[in-house]
Structures are given as C-alpha cells and as structure tokens.
Amino acid sequence: MTRIWFLTGSLFGGFGVALSALAAHAKLSPPDPALQDALRSAATLLLIHAPALLAIAALRPGRGVAIDWAASAIASGIFLFAAAISLHAFAGIHVSPLAPIGGSLAILGWAGLAATAWRQI
C-alpha cells in the first residue's frame, strides 16, 4: 500500500498544479471568474492533500491497516470532492451528492488518521 499512497499523493500534486495553471492561464471567452474560482478550489484541495498522502506513505510501515483505511477515505473523499467541482466547472454537470460525500469521507479519513496516531503514541 505504500506505493499506492506515494502514487496517489504524486497524482494529486500533479493534477493540483495542472488545475492551478488552468485557473490562472485559461483564456476564457467570456471571462468566467466563477469557473476560475472553482478550479482554484479543486486545485487547492488536491495540493493540500498530496503531501499528506506522501507523509502517510512515508510513515506507514509498521502502523497496521488502520492507517490504510484512513488514507483510503482521505484519498477517495478528496477525489470525489475535486471531481465534483471540476465536472461542474468544465462541463456544467452538477453531481450534487459527490461533493458532500467526498467531503464527509475526507473528514472521516482525517478522524481515522488522528485515531491511528493516538493509538500509536
């Protein structure tokens, strides 16, 4: 699983930079500040969680499966959240349940990570 978290963190980082670049440099006609804000939000989510997943990968060995469950919830939650924002921004597709489900998963993942850390201390 260590490889998966390194890969996921790296992909989140790459997609976060790409979405940031799109938000900053896309020539929209007509200009659409809401679209740029949405892309910035998705990029920020990905960029904030990328190093967290890389840290989980680095700290994972010997920590048990609880850290994998927490990382899975964080990664899938942020993916769903960022995907919902991006789909709405790029295609106008409003997939309303994805964002709150993704956000809830990410919150549960962070709580699970805290519980895992608490047990390890």
PDB file of N, CA and C in Angstrom:
ATOM      1  N   MET A   1       0.813  -1.200   0.000  1.00  0.00           N
ATOM      2  CA  MET A   1       0.000   0.000   0.000  1.00  0.00           C
ATOM      3  C   MET A   1       0.858   1.267   0.000  1.00  0.00           C
ATOM      4  N   THR A   2       2.082   1.156   0.468  1.00  0.00           N
ATOM      5  CA  THR A   2       2.953   2.330   0.490  1.00  0.00           C
ATOM      6  C   THR A   2       3.082   2.934  -0.902  1.00  0.00           C
ATOM      7  N   ARG A   3       3.269   2.068  -1.908  1.00  0.00           N
ATOM      8  CA  ARG A   3       3.381   2.551  -3.290  1.00  0.00           C
ATOM      9  C   ARG A   3       2.110   3.272  -3.733  1.00  0.00           C
ATOM     10  N   ILE A   4       0.975   2.743  -3.332  1.00  0.00           N
ATOM     11  CA  ILE A   4      -0.296   3.351  -3.737  1.00  0.00           C
ATOM     12  C   ILE A   4      -0.412   4.762  -3.172  1.00  0.00           C
ATOM     13  N   TRP A   5      -0.023   4.953  -1.913  1.00  0.00           N
ATOM     14  CA  TRP A   5      -0.141   6.288  -1.315  1.00  0.00           C
ATOM     15  C   TRP A   5       0.870   7.250  -1.922  1.00  0.00           C
ATOM     16  N   PHE A   6       2.081   6.759  -2.253  1.00  0.00           N
ATOM     17  CA  PHE A   6       3.048   7.611  -2.964  1.00  0.00           C
ATOM     18  C   PHE A   6       2.499   7.994  -4.333  1.00  0.00           C
ATOM     19  N   LEU A   7       1.947   7.014  -5.040  1.00  0.00           N
ATOM     20  CA  LEU A   7       1.388   7.285  -6.370  1.00  0.00           C
ATOM     21  C   LEU A   7       0.214   8.251  -6.285  1.00  0.00           C
ATOM     22  N   THR A   8      -0.705   8.005  -5.369  1.00  0.00           N
ATOM     23  CA  THR A   8      -1.882   8.861  -5.226  1.00  0.00           C
ATOM     24  C   THR A   8      -1.486  10.281  -4.831  1.00  0.00           C
ATOM     25  N   GLY A   9      -0.582  10.413  -3.875  1.00  0.00           N
ATOM     26  CA  GLY A   9      -0.109  11.733  -3.474  1.00  0.00           C
ATOM     27  C   GLY A   9       0.558  12.465  -4.626  1.00  0.00           C
ATOM     28  N   SER A  10       1.343  11.734  -5.403  1.00  0.00           N
ATOM     29  CA  SER A  10       2.016  12.341  -6.553  1.00  0.00           C
ATOM     30  C   SER A  10       1.018  12.778  -7.617  1.00  0.00           C
ATOM     31  N   LEU A  11       0.023  11.947  -7.881  1.00  0.00           N
ATOM     32  CA  LEU A  11      -1.005  12.307  -8.866  1.00  0.00           C
ATOM     33  C   LEU A  11      -1.825  13.501  -8.392  1.00  0.00           C
ATOM     34  N   PHE A  12      -2.185  13.512  -7.118  1.00  0.00           N
ATOM     35  CA  PHE A  12      -2.914  14.661  -6.578  1.00  0.00           C
ATOM     36  C   PHE A  12      -2.102  15.937  -6.771  1.00  0.00           C
ATOM     37  N   GLY A  13      -0.805  15.864  -6.489  1.00  0.00           N
ATOM     38  CA  GLY A  13       0.049  17.024  -6.665  1.00  0.00           C
ATOM     39  C   GLY A  13       0.093  17.484  -8.114  1.00  0.00           C
ATOM     40  N   GLY A  14       0.272  16.540  -9.028  1.00  0.00           N
ATOM     41  CA  GLY A  14       0.325  16.886 -10.453  1.00  0.00           C
ATOM     42  C   GLY A  14      -0.975  17.480 -10.965  1.00  0.00           C
ATOM     43  N   PHE A  15      -2.093  16.853 -10.612  1.00  0.00           N
ATOM     44  CA  PHE A  15      -3.384  17.387 -11.056  1.00  0.00           C
ATOM     45  C   PHE A  15      -3.688  18.727 -10.392  1.00  0.00           C
ATOM     46  N   GLY A  16      -3.249  18.894  -9.147  1.00  0.00           N
ATOM     47  CA  GLY A  16      -3.444  20.170  -8.471  1.00  0.00           C
ATOM     48  C   GLY A  16      -2.704  21.302  -9.171  1.00  0.00           C
ATOM     49  N   VAL A  17      -1.474  21.037  -9.586  1.00  0.00           N
ATOM     50  CA  VAL A  17      -0.705  22.046 -10.326  1.00  0.00           C
ATOM     51  C   VAL A  17      -1.369  22.325 -11.671  1.00  0.00           C
ATOM     52  N   ALA A  18      -1.817  21.273 -12.347  1.00  0.00           N
ATOM     53  CA  ALA A  18      -2.467  21.453 -13.653  1.00  0.00           C
ATOM     54  C   ALA A  18      -3.739  22.295 -13.528  1.00  0.00           C
ATOM     55  N   LEU A  19      -4.557  22.011 -12.527  1.00  0.00           N
ATOM     56  CA  LEU A  19      -5.776  22.800 -12.336  1.00  0.00           C
ATOM     57  C   LEU A  19      -5.454  24.236 -11.943  1.00  0.00           C
ATOM     58  N   SER A  20      -4.403  24.425 -11.157  1.00  0.00           N
ATOM     59  CA  SER A  20      -3.974  25.788 -10.815  1.00  0.00           C
ATOM     60  C   SER A  20      -3.566  26.554 -12.063  1.00  0.00           C
ATOM     61  N   ALA A  21      -2.819  25.892 -12.935  1.00  0.00           N
ATOM     62  CA  ALA A  21      -2.388  26.532 -14.181  1.00  0.00           C
ATOM     63  C   ALA A  21      -3.588  26.873 -15.060  1.00  0.00           C
ATOM     64  N   LEU A  22      -4.540  25.956 -15.155  1.00  0.00           N
ATOM     65  CA  LEU A  22      -5.753  26.240 -15.934  1.00  0.00           C
ATOM     66  C   LEU A  22      -6.505  27.441 -15.364  1.00  0.00           C
ATOM     67  N   ALA A  23      -6.627  27.471 -14.045  1.00  0.00           N
ATOM     68  CA  ALA A  23      -7.347  28.589 -13.419  1.00  0.00           C
ATOM     69  C   ALA A  23      -6.639  29.910 -13.665  1.00  0.00           C
ATOM     70  N   ALA A  24      -5.318  29.886 -13.674  1.00  0.00           N
ATOM     71  CA  ALA A  24      -4.557  31.127 -13.818  1.00  0.00           C
ATOM     72  C   ALA A  24      -4.396  31.569 -15.263  1.00  0.00           C
ATOM     73  N   HIS A  25      -4.301  30.614 -16.188  1.00  0.00           N
ATOM     74  CA  HIS A  25      -3.901  30.964 -17.547  1.00  0.00           C
ATOM     75  C   HIS A  25      -4.925  30.672 -18.636  1.00  0.00           C
ATOM     76  N   ALA A  26      -6.011  30.019 -18.287  1.00  0.00           N
ATOM     77  CA  ALA A  26      -7.004  29.701 -19.320  1.00  0.00           C
ATOM     78  C   ALA A  26      -7.615  30.992 -19.861  1.00  0.00           C
ATOM     79  N   LYS A  27      -7.644  31.100 -21.154  1.00  0.00           N
ATOM     80  CA  LYS A  27      -8.255  32.268 -21.813  1.00  0.00           C
ATOM     81  C   LYS A  27      -9.717  31.922 -22.090  1.00  0.00           C
ATOM     82  N   LEU A  28     -10.549  32.364 -21.201  1.00  0.00           N
ATOM     83  CA  LEU A  28     -11.965  32.068 -21.318  1.00  0.00           C
ATOM     84  C   LEU A  28     -12.666  33.211 -22.035  1.00  0.00           C
ATOM     85  N   SER A  29     -13.544  32.833 -22.921  1.00  0.00           N
ATOM     86  CA  SER A  29     -14.297  33.848 -23.644  1.00  0.00           C
ATOM     87  C   SER A  29     -15.776  33.520 -23.514  1.00  0.00           C
ATOM     88  N   PRO A  30     -16.525  34.256 -22.797  1.00  0.00           N
ATOM     89  CA  PRO A  30     -16.164  35.418 -21.979  1.00  0.00           C
ATOM     90  C   PRO A  30     -15.464  34.963 -20.693  1.00  0.00           C
ATOM     91  N   PRO A  31     -14.706  35.857 -20.065  1.00  0.00           N
ATOM     92  CA  PRO A  31     -14.043  35.511 -18.797  1.00  0.00           C
ATOM     93  C   PRO A  31     -15.073  35.058 -17.768  1.00  0.00           C
ATOM     94  N   ASP A  32     -14.730  34.018 -17.031  1.00  0.00           N
ATOM     95  CA  ASP A  32     -15.666  33.455 -16.061  1.00  0.00           C
ATOM     96  C   ASP A  32     -14.972  33.298 -14.704  1.00  0.00           C
ATOM     97  N   PRO A  33     -15.096  34.303 -13.831  1.00  0.00           N
ATOM     98  CA  PRO A  33     -14.439  34.236 -12.523  1.00  0.00           C
ATOM     99  C   PRO A  33     -14.920  33.059 -11.670  1.00  0.00           C
ATOM    100  N   ALA A  34     -16.180  32.674 -11.815  1.00  0.00           N
ATOM    101  CA  ALA A  34     -16.701  31.549 -11.031  1.00  0.00           C
ATOM    102  C   ALA A  34     -16.005  30.247 -11.427  1.00  0.00           C
ATOM    103  N   LEU A  35     -15.766  30.067 -12.719  1.00  0.00           N
ATOM    104  CA  LEU A  35     -15.069  28.879 -13.198  1.00  0.00           C
ATOM    105  C   LEU A  35     -13.640  28.852 -12.665  1.00  0.00           C
ATOM    106  N   GLN A  36     -12.971  29.994 -12.713  1.00  0.00           N
ATOM    107  CA  GLN A  36     -11.599  30.062 -12.203  1.00  0.00           C
ATOM    108  C   GLN A  36     -11.561  29.791 -10.694  1.00  0.00           C
ATOM    109  N   ASP A  37     -12.526  30.316  -9.955  1.00  0.00           N
ATOM    110  CA  ASP A  37     -12.582  30.059  -8.513  1.00  0.00           C
ATOM    111  C   ASP A  37     -12.820  28.577  -8.226  1.00  0.00           C
ATOM    112  N   ALA A  38     -13.699  27.952  -9.004  1.00  0.00           N
ATOM    113  CA  ALA A  38     -13.964  26.530  -8.816  1.00  0.00           C
ATOM    114  C   ALA A  38     -12.712  25.697  -9.082  1.00  0.00           C
ATOM    115  N   LEU A  39     -11.998  26.035 -10.159  1.00  0.00           N
ATOM    116  CA  LEU A  39     -10.767  25.304 -10.471  1.00  0.00           C
ATOM    117  C   LEU A  39      -9.722  25.520  -9.383  1.00  0.00           C
ATOM    118  N   ARG A  40      -9.630  26.738  -8.863  1.00  0.00           N
ATOM    119  CA  ARG A  40      -8.689  27.009  -7.767  1.00  0.00           C
ATOM    120  C   ARG A  40      -9.052  26.192  -6.526  1.00  0.00           C
ATOM    121  N   SER A  41     -10.339  26.066  -6.259  1.00  0.00           N
ATOM    122  CA  SER A  41     -10.772  25.281  -5.092  1.00  0.00           C
ATOM    123  C   SER A  41     -10.385  23.814  -5.242  1.00  0.00           C
ATOM    124  N   ALA A  42     -10.651  23.250  -6.412  1.00  0.00           N
ATOM    125  CA  ALA A  42     -10.290  21.848  -6.652  1.00  0.00           C
ATOM    126  C   ALA A  42      -8.777  21.676  -6.563  1.00  0.00           C
ATOM    127  N   ALA A  43      -8.025  22.619  -7.154  1.00  0.00           N
ATOM    128  CA  ALA A  43      -6.564  22.547  -7.111  1.00  0.00           C
ATOM    129  C   ALA A  43      -6.051  22.614  -5.679  1.00  0.00           C
ATOM    130  N   THR A  44      -6.622  23.507  -4.891  1.00  0.00           N
ATOM    131  CA  THR A  44      -6.193  23.660  -3.501  1.00  0.00           C
ATOM    132  C   THR A  44      -6.429  22.377  -2.712  1.00  0.00           C
ATOM    133  N   LEU A  45      -7.594  21.776  -2.894  1.00  0.00           N
ATOM    134  CA  LEU A  45      -7.889  20.510  -2.205  1.00  0.00           C
ATOM    135  C   LEU A  45      -6.840  19.454  -2.548  1.00  0.00           C
ATOM    136  N   LEU A  46      -6.540  19.324  -3.826  1.00  0.00           N
ATOM    137  CA  LEU A  46      -5.568  18.321  -4.252  1.00  0.00           C
ATOM    138  C   LEU A  46      -4.177  18.637  -3.721  1.00  0.00           C
ATOM    139  N   LEU A  47      -3.781  19.905  -3.810  1.00  0.00           N
ATOM    140  CA  LEU A  47      -2.433  20.280  -3.383  1.00  0.00           C
ATOM    141  C   LEU A  47      -2.241  20.176  -1.870  1.00  0.00           C
ATOM    142  N   ILE A  48      -3.278  20.411  -1.105  1.00  0.00           N
ATOM    143  CA  ILE A  48      -3.174  20.289   0.352  1.00  0.00           C
ATOM    144  C   ILE A  48      -3.056  18.822   0.770  1.00  0.00           C
ATOM    145  N   HIS A  49      -3.787  17.954   0.076  1.00  0.00           N
ATOM    146  CA  HIS A  49      -3.806  16.556   0.481  1.00  0.00           C
ATOM    147  C   HIS A  49      -2.688  15.718  -0.136  1.00  0.00           C
ATOM    148  N   ALA A  50      -2.051  16.219  -1.177  1.00  0.00           N
ATOM    149  CA  ALA A  50      -0.941  15.476  -1.793  1.00  0.00           C
ATOM    150  C   ALA A  50       0.183  15.217  -0.784  1.00  0.00           C
ATOM    151  N   PRO A  51       0.701  16.247  -0.095  1.00  0.00           N
ATOM    152  CA  PRO A  51       1.769  15.952   0.863  1.00  0.00           C
ATOM    153  C   PRO A  51       1.299  15.106   2.048  1.00  0.00           C
ATOM    154  N   ALA A  52       0.024  15.209   2.391  1.00  0.00           N
ATOM    155  CA  ALA A  52      -0.495  14.369   3.474  1.00  0.00           C
ATOM    156  C   ALA A  52      -0.405  12.894   3.085  1.00  0.00           C
ATOM    157  N   LEU A  53      -0.771  12.576   1.846  1.00  0.00           N
ATOM    158  CA  LEU A  53      -0.691  11.184   1.397  1.00  0.00           C
ATOM    159  C   LEU A  53       0.756  10.728   1.269  1.00  0.00           C
ATOM    160  N   LEU A  54       1.645  11.624   0.853  1.00  0.00           N
ATOM    161  CA  LEU A  54       3.067  11.276   0.796  1.00  0.00           C
ATOM    162  C   LEU A  54       3.610  11.012   2.198  1.00  0.00           C
ATOM    163  N   ALA A  55       3.172  11.800   3.165  1.00  0.00           N
ATOM    164  CA  ALA A  55       3.600  11.576   4.550  1.00  0.00           C
ATOM    165  C   ALA A  55       3.062  10.251   5.077  1.00  0.00           C
ATOM    166  N   ILE A  56       1.817   9.943   4.751  1.00  0.00           N
ATOM    167  CA  ILE A  56       1.246   8.659   5.165  1.00  0.00           C
ATOM    168  C   ILE A  56       2.070   7.523   4.582  1.00  0.00           C
ATOM    169  N   ALA A  57       2.449   7.641   3.315  1.00  0.00           N
ATOM    170  CA  ALA A  57       3.261   6.599   2.688  1.00  0.00           C
ATOM    171  C   ALA A  57       4.597   6.444   3.410  1.00  0.00           C
ATOM    172  N   ALA A  58       5.192   7.559   3.779  1.00  0.00           N
ATOM    173  CA  ALA A  58       6.494   7.504   4.446  1.00  0.00           C
ATOM    174  C   ALA A  58       6.392   6.938   5.863  1.00  0.00           C
ATOM    175  N   LEU A  59       5.295   7.222   6.553  1.00  0.00           N
ATOM    176  CA  LEU A  59       5.126   6.802   7.945  1.00  0.00           C
ATOM    177  C   LEU A  59       4.403   5.469   8.097  1.00  0.00           C
ATOM    178  N   ARG A  60       3.879   4.938   7.006  1.00  0.00           N
ATOM    179  CA  ARG A  60       3.018   3.776   7.046  1.00  0.00           C
ATOM    180  C   ARG A  60       3.653   2.490   7.575  1.00  0.00           C
ATOM    181  N   PRO A  61       4.868   2.133   7.174  1.00  0.00           N
ATOM    182  CA  PRO A  61       5.393   0.815   7.565  1.00  0.00           C
ATOM    183  C   PRO A  61       5.296   0.565   9.067  1.00  0.00           C
ATOM    184  N   GLY A  62       4.718  -0.596   9.421  1.00  0.00           N
ATOM    185  CA  GLY A  62       4.584  -0.993  10.809  1.00  0.00           C
ATOM    186  C   GLY A  62       3.427  -0.372  11.555  1.00  0.00           C
ATOM    187  N   ARG A  63       2.567   0.362  10.882  1.00  0.00           N
ATOM    188  CA  ARG A  63       1.465   1.055  11.563  1.00  0.00           C
ATOM    189  C   ARG A  63       0.139   0.301  11.486  1.00  0.00           C
ATOM    190  N   GLY A  64       0.074  -0.796  10.763  1.00  0.00           N
ATOM    191  CA  GLY A  64      -1.166  -1.562  10.686  1.00  0.00           C
ATOM    192  C   GLY A  64      -2.090  -1.078   9.581  1.00  0.00           C
ATOM    193  N   VAL A  65      -3.242  -1.727   9.480  1.00  0.00           N
ATOM    194  CA  VAL A  65      -4.170  -1.428   8.388  1.00  0.00           C
ATOM    195  C   VAL A  65      -5.031  -0.199   8.653  1.00  0.00           C
ATOM    196  N   ALA A  66      -5.104   0.262   9.885  1.00  0.00           N
ATOM    197  CA  ALA A  66      -5.951   1.427  10.189  1.00  0.00           C
ATOM    198  C   ALA A  66      -5.494   2.647   9.407  1.00  0.00           C
ATOM    199  N   ILE A  67      -4.194   2.807   9.254  1.00  0.00           N
ATOM    200  CA  ILE A  67      -3.693   3.959   8.513  1.00  0.00           C
ATOM    201  C   ILE A  67      -4.068   3.850   7.037  1.00  0.00           C
ATOM    202  N   ASP A  68      -4.152   2.618   6.517  1.00  0.00           N
ATOM    203  CA  ASP A  68      -4.579   2.435   5.125  1.00  0.00           C
ATOM    204  C   ASP A  68      -6.051   2.779   4.945  1.00  0.00           C
ATOM    205  N   TRP A  69      -6.873   2.413   5.915  1.00  0.00           N
ATOM    206  CA  TRP A  69      -8.289   2.776   5.841  1.00  0.00           C
ATOM    207  C   TRP A  69      -8.455   4.290   5.887  1.00  0.00           C
ATOM    208  N   ALA A  70      -7.699   4.937   6.750  1.00  0.00           N
ATOM    209  CA  ALA A  70      -7.775   6.397   6.851  1.00  0.00           C
ATOM    210  C   ALA A  70      -7.315   7.051   5.554  1.00  0.00           C
ATOM    211  N   ALA A  71      -6.205   6.581   5.014  1.00  0.00           N
ATOM    212  CA  ALA A  71      -5.694   7.137   3.763  1.00  0.00           C
ATOM    213  C   ALA A  71      -6.668   6.894   2.615  1.00  0.00           C
ATOM    214  N   SER A  72      -7.303   5.735   2.603  1.00  0.00           N
ATOM    215  CA  SER A  72      -8.291   5.430   1.561  1.00  0.00           C
ATOM    216  C   SER A  72      -9.465   6.391   1.619  1.00  0.00           C
ATOM    217  N   ALA A  73      -9.925   6.673   2.825  1.00  0.00           N
ATOM    218  CA  ALA A  73     -11.049   7.596   2.981  1.00  0.00           C
ATOM    219  C   ALA A  73     -10.649   9.008   2.564  1.00  0.00           C
ATOM    220  N   ILE A  74      -9.455   9.433   2.958  1.00  0.00           N
ATOM    221  CA  ILE A  74      -8.981  10.767   2.575  1.00  0.00           C
ATOM    222  C   ILE A  74      -8.858  10.864   1.058  1.00  0.00           C
ATOM    223  N   ALA A  75      -8.182   9.897   0.457  1.00  0.00           N
ATOM    224  CA  ALA A  75      -7.930   9.944  -0.990  1.00  0.00           C
ATOM    225  C   ALA A  75      -9.225   9.871  -1.792  1.00  0.00           C
ATOM    226  N   SER A  76     -10.094   8.940  -1.440  1.00  0.00           N
ATOM    227  CA  SER A  76     -11.344   8.822  -2.206  1.00  0.00           C
ATOM    228  C   SER A  76     -12.237  10.034  -1.977  1.00  0.00           C
ATOM    229  N   GLY A  77     -12.257  10.547  -0.757  1.00  0.00           N
ATOM    230  CA  GLY A  77     -13.069  11.725  -0.469  1.00  0.00           C
ATOM    231  C   GLY A  77     -12.608  12.949  -1.235  1.00  0.00           C
ATOM    232  N   ILE A  78     -11.312  13.195  -1.253  1.00  0.00           N
ATOM    233  CA  ILE A  78     -10.793  14.359  -1.965  1.00  0.00           C
ATOM    234  C   ILE A  78     -10.961  14.173  -3.470  1.00  0.00           C
ATOM    235  N   PHE A  79     -10.775  12.944  -3.959  1.00  0.00           N
ATOM    236  CA  PHE A  79     -11.008  12.694  -5.379  1.00  0.00           C
ATOM    237  C   PHE A  79     -12.449  13.029  -5.756  1.00  0.00           C
ATOM    238  N   LEU A  80     -13.411  12.535  -4.985  1.00  0.00           N
ATOM    239  CA  LEU A  80     -14.827  12.806  -5.274  1.00  0.00           C
ATOM    240  C   LEU A  80     -15.138  14.295  -5.188  1.00  0.00           C
ATOM    241  N   PHE A  81     -14.614  14.943  -4.169  1.00  0.00           N
ATOM    242  CA  PHE A  81     -14.875  16.372  -3.978  1.00  0.00           C
ATOM    243  C   PHE A  81     -14.304  17.178  -5.136  1.00  0.00           C
ATOM    244  N   ALA A  82     -13.038  16.945  -5.463  1.00  0.00           N
ATOM    245  CA  ALA A  82     -12.397  17.684  -6.553  1.00  0.00           C
ATOM    246  C   ALA A  82     -13.036  17.344  -7.898  1.00  0.00           C
ATOM    247  N   ALA A  83     -13.422  16.083  -8.085  1.00  0.00           N
ATOM    248  CA  ALA A  83     -14.076  15.686  -9.336  1.00  0.00           C
ATOM    249  C   ALA A  83     -15.416  16.392  -9.495  1.00  0.00           C
ATOM    250  N   ALA A  84     -16.183  16.483  -8.419  1.00  0.00           N
ATOM    251  CA  ALA A  84     -17.483  17.159  -8.487  1.00  0.00           C
ATOM    252  C   ALA A  84     -17.310  18.620  -8.872  1.00  0.00           C
ATOM    253  N   ILE A  85     -16.327  19.282  -8.250  1.00  0.00           N
ATOM    254  CA  ILE A  85     -16.068  20.692  -8.567  1.00  0.00           C
ATOM    255  C   ILE A  85     -15.617  20.840 -10.023  1.00  0.00           C
ATOM    256  N   SER A  86     -14.699  19.974 -10.443  1.00  0.00           N
ATOM    257  CA  SER A  86     -14.152  20.060 -11.805  1.00  0.00           C
ATOM    258  C   SER A  86     -15.206  19.748 -12.857  1.00  0.00           C
ATOM    259  N   LEU A  87     -16.025  18.726 -12.629  1.00  0.00           N
ATOM    260  CA  LEU A  87     -17.094  18.401 -13.584  1.00  0.00           C
ATOM    261  C   LEU A  87     -18.055  19.568 -13.743  1.00  0.00           C
ATOM    262  N   HIS A  88     -18.369  20.189 -12.637  1.00  0.00           N
ATOM    263  CA  HIS A  88     -19.270  21.338 -12.705  1.00  0.00           C
ATOM    264  C   HIS A  88     -18.611  22.500 -13.453  1.00  0.00           C
ATOM    265  N   ALA A  89     -17.325  22.734 -13.177  1.00  0.00           N
ATOM    266  CA  ALA A  89     -16.619  23.845 -13.813  1.00  0.00           C
ATOM    267  C   ALA A  89     -16.422  23.614 -15.310  1.00  0.00           C
ATOM    268  N   PHE A  90     -16.000  22.414 -15.694  1.00  0.00           N
ATOM    269  CA  PHE A  90     -15.669  22.144 -17.096  1.00  0.00           C
ATOM    270  C   PHE A  90     -16.874  21.841 -17.964  1.00  0.00           C
ATOM    271  N   ALA A  91     -17.811  21.057 -17.428  1.00  0.00           N
ATOM    272  CA  ALA A  91     -18.897  20.561 -18.263  1.00  0.00           C
ATOM    273  C   ALA A  91     -20.273  21.045 -17.838  1.00  0.00           C
ATOM    274  N   GLY A  92     -20.336  21.781 -16.747  1.00  0.00           N
ATOM    275  CA  GLY A  92     -21.634  22.232 -16.266  1.00  0.00           C
ATOM    276  C   GLY A  92     -22.462  21.110 -15.663  1.00  0.00           C
ATOM    277  N   ILE A  93     -21.823  19.964 -15.419  1.00  0.00           N
ATOM    278  CA  ILE A  93     -22.519  18.812 -14.840  1.00  0.00           C
ATOM    279  C   ILE A  93     -22.537  18.985 -13.328  1.00  0.00           C
ATOM    280  N   HIS A  94     -23.728  19.012 -12.781  1.00  0.00           N
ATOM    281  CA  HIS A  94     -23.872  19.181 -11.330  1.00  0.00           C
ATOM    282  C   HIS A  94     -24.191  17.828 -10.715  1.00  0.00           C
ATOM    283  N   VAL A  95     -23.196  17.229 -10.100  1.00  0.00           N
ATOM    284  CA  VAL A  95     -23.374  15.938  -9.439  1.00  0.00           C
ATOM    285  C   VAL A  95     -23.394  16.184  -7.929  1.00  0.00           C
ATOM    286  N   SER A  96     -24.511  16.725  -7.490  1.00  0.00           N
ATOM    287  CA  SER A  96     -24.625  17.241  -6.131  1.00  0.00           C
ATOM    288  C   SER A  96     -24.236  16.262  -5.027  1.00  0.00           C
ATOM    289  N   PRO A  97     -24.510  14.972  -5.123  1.00  0.00           N
ATOM    290  CA  PRO A  97     -24.136  14.151  -3.968  1.00  0.00           C
ATOM    291  C   PRO A  97     -22.628  13.902  -3.848  1.00  0.00           C
ATOM    292  N   LEU A  98     -21.868  14.083  -4.918  1.00  0.00           N
ATOM    293  CA  LEU A  98     -20.439  13.761  -4.853  1.00  0.00           C
ATOM    294  C   LEU A  98     -19.659  14.657  -3.901  1.00  0.00           C
ATOM    295  N   ALA A  99     -19.893  15.940  -3.949  1.00  0.00           N
ATOM    296  CA  ALA A  99     -19.118  16.851  -3.103  1.00  0.00           C
ATOM    297  C   ALA A  99     -19.352  16.593  -1.605  1.00  0.00           C
ATOM    298  N   PRO A 100     -20.597  16.518  -1.137  1.00  0.00           N
ATOM    299  CA  PRO A 100     -20.764  16.258   0.292  1.00  0.00           C
ATOM    300  C   PRO A 100     -20.307  14.863   0.719  1.00  0.00           C
ATOM    301  N   ILE A 101     -20.485  13.878  -0.152  1.00  0.00           N
ATOM    302  CA  ILE A 101     -19.995  12.536   0.173  1.00  0.00           C
ATOM    303  C   ILE A 101     -18.473  12.553   0.248  1.00  0.00           C
ATOM    304  N   GLY A 102     -17.848  13.202  -0.731  1.00  0.00           N
ATOM    305  CA  GLY A 102     -16.393  13.303  -0.727  1.00  0.00           C
ATOM    306  C   GLY A 102     -15.873  14.045   0.491  1.00  0.00           C
ATOM    307  N   GLY A 103     -16.498  15.155   0.813  1.00  0.00           N
ATOM    308  CA  GLY A 103     -16.086  15.912   1.991  1.00  0.00           C
ATOM    309  C   GLY A 103     -16.240  15.108   3.273  1.00  0.00           C
ATOM    310  N   SER A 104     -17.342  14.390   3.370  1.00  0.00           N
ATOM    311  CA  SER A 104     -17.573  13.560   4.564  1.00  0.00           C
ATOM    312  C   SER A 104     -16.536  12.445   4.675  1.00  0.00           C
ATOM    313  N   LEU A 105     -16.223  11.811   3.545  1.00  0.00           N
ATOM    314  CA  LEU A 105     -15.195  10.770   3.556  1.00  0.00           C
ATOM    315  C   LEU A 105     -13.843  11.328   3.987  1.00  0.00           C
ATOM    316  N   ALA A 106     -13.498  12.501   3.460  1.00  0.00           N
ATOM    317  CA  ALA A 106     -12.215  13.106   3.825  1.00  0.00           C
ATOM    318  C   ALA A 106     -12.173  13.418   5.323  1.00  0.00           C
ATOM    319  N   ILE A 107     -13.252  13.943   5.853  1.00  0.00           N
ATOM    320  CA  ILE A 107     -13.308  14.245   7.289  1.00  0.00           C
ATOM    321  C   ILE A 107     -13.160  12.962   8.107  1.00  0.00           C
ATOM    322  N   LEU A 108     -13.874  11.909   7.702  1.00  0.00           N
ATOM    323  CA  LEU A 108     -13.754  10.625   8.406  1.00  0.00           C
ATOM    324  C   LEU A 108     -12.336  10.078   8.306  1.00  0.00           C
ATOM    325  N   GLY A 109     -11.715  10.249   7.149  1.00  0.00           N
ATOM    326  CA  GLY A 109     -10.340   9.794   6.979  1.00  0.00           C
ATOM    327  C   GLY A 109      -9.382  10.519   7.908  1.00  0.00           C
ATOM    328  N   TRP A 110      -9.543  11.835   8.016  1.00  0.00           N
ATOM    329  CA  TRP A 110      -8.690  12.600   8.924  1.00  0.00           C
ATOM    330  C   TRP A 110      -8.935  12.182  10.376  1.00  0.00           C
ATOM    331  N   ALA A 111     -10.192  11.932  10.722  1.00  0.00           N
ATOM    332  CA  ALA A 111     -10.501  11.467  12.080  1.00  0.00           C
ATOM    333  C   ALA A 111      -9.869  10.090  12.322  1.00  0.00           C
ATOM    334  N   GLY A 112      -9.949   9.227  11.312  1.00  0.00           N
ATOM    335  CA  GLY A 112      -9.324   7.908  11.424  1.00  0.00           C
ATOM    336  C   GLY A 112      -7.813   8.000  11.556  1.00  0.00           C
ATOM    337  N   LEU A 113      -7.228   8.935  10.841  1.00  0.00           N
ATOM    338  CA  LEU A 113      -5.780   9.142  10.941  1.00  0.00           C
ATOM    339  C   LEU A 113      -5.410   9.630  12.342  1.00  0.00           C
ATOM    340  N   ALA A 114      -6.223  10.530  12.886  1.00  0.00           N
ATOM    341  CA  ALA A 114      -5.980  11.004  14.259  1.00  0.00           C
ATOM    342  C   ALA A 114      -6.098   9.861  15.261  1.00  0.00           C
ATOM    343  N   ALA A 115      -7.117   9.012  15.083  1.00  0.00           N
ATOM    344  CA  ALA A 115      -7.283   7.868  15.991  1.00  0.00           C
ATOM    345  C   ALA A 115      -6.113   6.906  15.875  1.00  0.00           C
ATOM    346  N   THR A 116      -5.635   6.700  14.665  1.00  0.00           N
ATOM    347  CA  THR A 116      -4.469   5.834  14.458  1.00  0.00           C
ATOM    348  C   THR A 116      -3.246   6.411  15.152  1.00  0.00           C
ATOM    349  N   ALA A 117      -3.063   7.707  15.007  1.00  0.00           N
ATOM    350  CA  ALA A 117      -1.923   8.368  15.657  1.00  0.00           C
ATOM    351  C   ALA A 117      -2.049   8.272  17.176  1.00  0.00           C
ATOM    352  N   TRP A 118      -3.255   8.467  17.678  1.00  0.00           N
ATOM    353  CA  TRP A 118      -3.485   8.415  19.127  1.00  0.00           C
ATOM    354  C   TRP A 118      -3.110   7.044  19.698  1.00  0.00           C
ATOM    355  N   ARG A 119      -3.462   6.000  18.959  1.00  0.00           N
ATOM    356  CA  ARG A 119      -3.145   4.636  19.421  1.00  0.00           C
ATOM    357  C   ARG A 119      -1.645   4.355  19.360  1.00  0.00           C
ATOM    358  N   GLN A 120      -0.940   5.037  18.466  1.00  0.00           N
ATOM    359  CA  GLN A 120       0.490   4.791  18.295  1.00  0.00           C
ATOM    360  C   GLN A 120       1.343   5.537  19.308  1.00  0.00           C
ATOM    361  N   ILE A 121       0.763   6.575  19.915  1.00  0.00           N
ATOM    362  CA  ILE A 121       1.544   7.416  20.846  1.00  0.00           C
ATOM    363  C   ILE A 121       1.712   6.717  22.174  1.00  0.00           C
TER     364      ILE A 121
END
